[in-house]
Amino acid sequence: MICDTCGGKTKEKKVTKQHRLNGKLYIVENVAAEVCTACGERYFHAKTLHAINALLQGKHKIKKLMRVEVVSVT
């Protein structure tokens, strides 16, 4: 795959993804993504995003709970 941002080539990797669903923020580990080897831009296949949504909407094991601050610059 060619990166839309810089034109570099992508490589499949496992990444950690921030994912929002139903007003909640999740950190999902070991997600398959195409990652640009030049600029680091990440691309996720639609089937991967649908699988994450299905996982989070059902019963799932929670590895860790984190407290997250939300800050506004205005």
C-alpha atoms as a PDB file:
ATOM      1  CA  MET A   1       0.000   0.000   0.000  1.00  0.00           C
ATOM      2  CA  ILE A   2       1.155   3.556  -0.685  1.00  0.00           C
ATOM      3  CA  CYS A   3       0.771   6.229   2.010  1.00  0.00           C
ATOM      4  CA  ASP A   4      -1.705   8.992   1.108  1.00  0.00           C
ATOM      5  CA  THR A   5       0.218  11.476   3.270  1.00  0.00           C
ATOM      6  CA  CYS A   6       3.792  11.167   1.977  1.00  0.00           C
ATOM      7  CA  GLY A   7       3.788   8.544  -0.786  1.00  0.00           C
ATOM      8  CA  GLY A   8       5.902   6.101   1.232  1.00  0.00           C
ATOM      9  CA  LYS A   9       5.313   2.364   1.426  1.00  0.00           C
ATOM     10  CA  THR A  10       3.366   0.784   4.268  1.00  0.00           C
ATOM     11  CA  LYS A  11       4.079  -2.370   6.211  1.00  0.00           C
ATOM     12  CA  GLU A  12       1.642  -4.418   8.300  1.00  0.00           C
ATOM     13  CA  LYS A  13       2.289  -4.056  12.023  1.00  0.00           C
ATOM     14  CA  LYS A  14       0.506  -4.594  15.318  1.00  0.00           C
ATOM     15  CA  VAL A  15      -0.191  -1.259  17.020  1.00  0.00           C
ATOM     16  CA  THR A  16      -1.986   0.210  20.011  1.00  0.00           C
ATOM     17  CA  LYS A  17      -5.091   2.145  18.946  1.00  0.00           C
ATOM     18  CA  GLN A  18      -7.170   4.756  20.752  1.00  0.00           C
ATOM     19  CA  HIS A  19     -10.788   3.944  19.924  1.00  0.00           C
ATOM     20  CA  ARG A  20     -13.946   5.839  20.844  1.00  0.00           C
ATOM     21  CA  LEU A  21     -17.292   4.066  20.999  1.00  0.00           C
ATOM     22  CA  ASN A  22     -20.560   5.227  22.556  1.00  0.00           C
ATOM     23  CA  GLY A  23     -18.893   8.140  24.334  1.00  0.00           C
ATOM     24  CA  LYS A  24     -16.154   6.002  25.891  1.00  0.00           C
ATOM     25  CA  LEU A  25     -12.449   5.955  25.130  1.00  0.00           C
ATOM     26  CA  TYR A  26     -10.692   2.591  24.839  1.00  0.00           C
ATOM     27  CA  ILE A  27      -7.047   1.694  24.334  1.00  0.00           C
ATOM     28  CA  VAL A  28      -6.894  -1.468  22.214  1.00  0.00           C
ATOM     29  CA  GLU A  29      -3.594  -3.325  21.929  1.00  0.00           C
ATOM     30  CA  ASN A  30      -2.277  -5.594  19.160  1.00  0.00           C
ATOM     31  CA  VAL A  31      -4.411  -4.142  16.369  1.00  0.00           C
ATOM     32  CA  ALA A  32      -3.394  -4.931  12.776  1.00  0.00           C
ATOM     33  CA  ALA A  33      -2.609  -1.782  10.802  1.00  0.00           C
ATOM     34  CA  GLU A  34      -0.762  -0.699   7.694  1.00  0.00           C
ATOM     35  CA  VAL A  35       1.924   1.730   8.921  1.00  0.00           C
ATOM     36  CA  CYS A  36       3.926   3.993   6.628  1.00  0.00           C
ATOM     37  CA  THR A  37       7.636   3.242   6.951  1.00  0.00           C
ATOM     38  CA  ALA A  38       8.474   6.879   6.098  1.00  0.00           C
ATOM     39  CA  CYS A  39       6.072   9.056   8.119  1.00  0.00           C
ATOM     40  CA  GLY A  40       4.314   6.631  10.493  1.00  0.00           C
ATOM     41  CA  GLU A  41       0.757   7.290   9.238  1.00  0.00           C
ATOM     42  CA  ARG A  42      -1.498   4.378  10.197  1.00  0.00           C
ATOM     43  CA  TYR A  43      -4.307   2.824   8.150  1.00  0.00           C
ATOM     44  CA  PHE A  44      -6.898   0.375   9.471  1.00  0.00           C
ATOM     45  CA  HIS A  45      -8.969  -1.957   7.308  1.00  0.00           C
ATOM     46  CA  ALA A  46     -12.742  -1.568   7.739  1.00  0.00           C
ATOM     47  CA  LYS A  47     -13.076  -5.201   8.846  1.00  0.00           C
ATOM     48  CA  THR A  48     -10.554  -4.520  11.635  1.00  0.00           C
ATOM     49  CA  LEU A  49     -12.539  -1.511  12.877  1.00  0.00           C
ATOM     50  CA  HIS A  50     -15.798  -3.502  12.748  1.00  0.00           C
ATOM     51  CA  ALA A  51     -14.134  -6.306  14.732  1.00  0.00           C
ATOM     52  CA  ILE A  52     -12.990  -3.822  17.392  1.00  0.00           C
ATOM     53  CA  ASN A  53     -16.523  -2.409  17.679  1.00  0.00           C
ATOM     54  CA  ALA A  54     -17.981  -5.927  18.033  1.00  0.00           C
ATOM     55  CA  LEU A  55     -15.390  -6.823  20.663  1.00  0.00           C
ATOM     56  CA  LEU A  56     -16.064  -3.707  22.730  1.00  0.00           C
ATOM     57  CA  GLN A  57     -19.855  -3.967  22.468  1.00  0.00           C
ATOM     58  CA  GLY A  58     -19.803  -7.516  23.830  1.00  0.00           C
ATOM     59  CA  LYS A  59     -18.271  -8.937  26.970  1.00  0.00           C
ATOM     60  CA  HIS A  60     -14.543  -8.413  26.892  1.00  0.00           C
ATOM     61  CA  LYS A  61     -11.670  -8.876  29.298  1.00  0.00           C
ATOM     62  CA  ILE A  62     -10.281  -5.639  30.717  1.00  0.00           C
ATOM     63  CA  LYS A  63      -6.499  -5.784  30.991  1.00  0.00           C
ATOM     64  CA  LYS A  64      -6.112  -2.521  32.899  1.00  0.00           C
ATOM     65  CA  LEU A  65      -8.091   0.576  33.876  1.00  0.00           C
ATOM     66  CA  MET A  66      -6.501   3.977  33.360  1.00  0.00           C
ATOM     67  CA  ARG A  67      -7.461   7.458  34.408  1.00  0.00           C
ATOM     68  CA  VAL A  68      -7.384   9.927  31.514  1.00  0.00           C
ATOM     69  CA  GLU A  69      -7.360  13.727  31.732  1.00  0.00           C
ATOM     70  CA  VAL A  70      -9.300  15.736  29.150  1.00  0.00           C
ATOM     71  CA  VAL A  71      -7.830  19.198  28.585  1.00  0.00           C
ATOM     72  CA  SER A  72      -8.998  22.075  26.380  1.00  0.00           C
ATOM     73  CA  VAL A  73      -6.721  24.829  25.076  1.00  0.00           C
ATOM     74  CA  THR A  74      -9.565  27.339  24.894  1.00  0.00           C
END
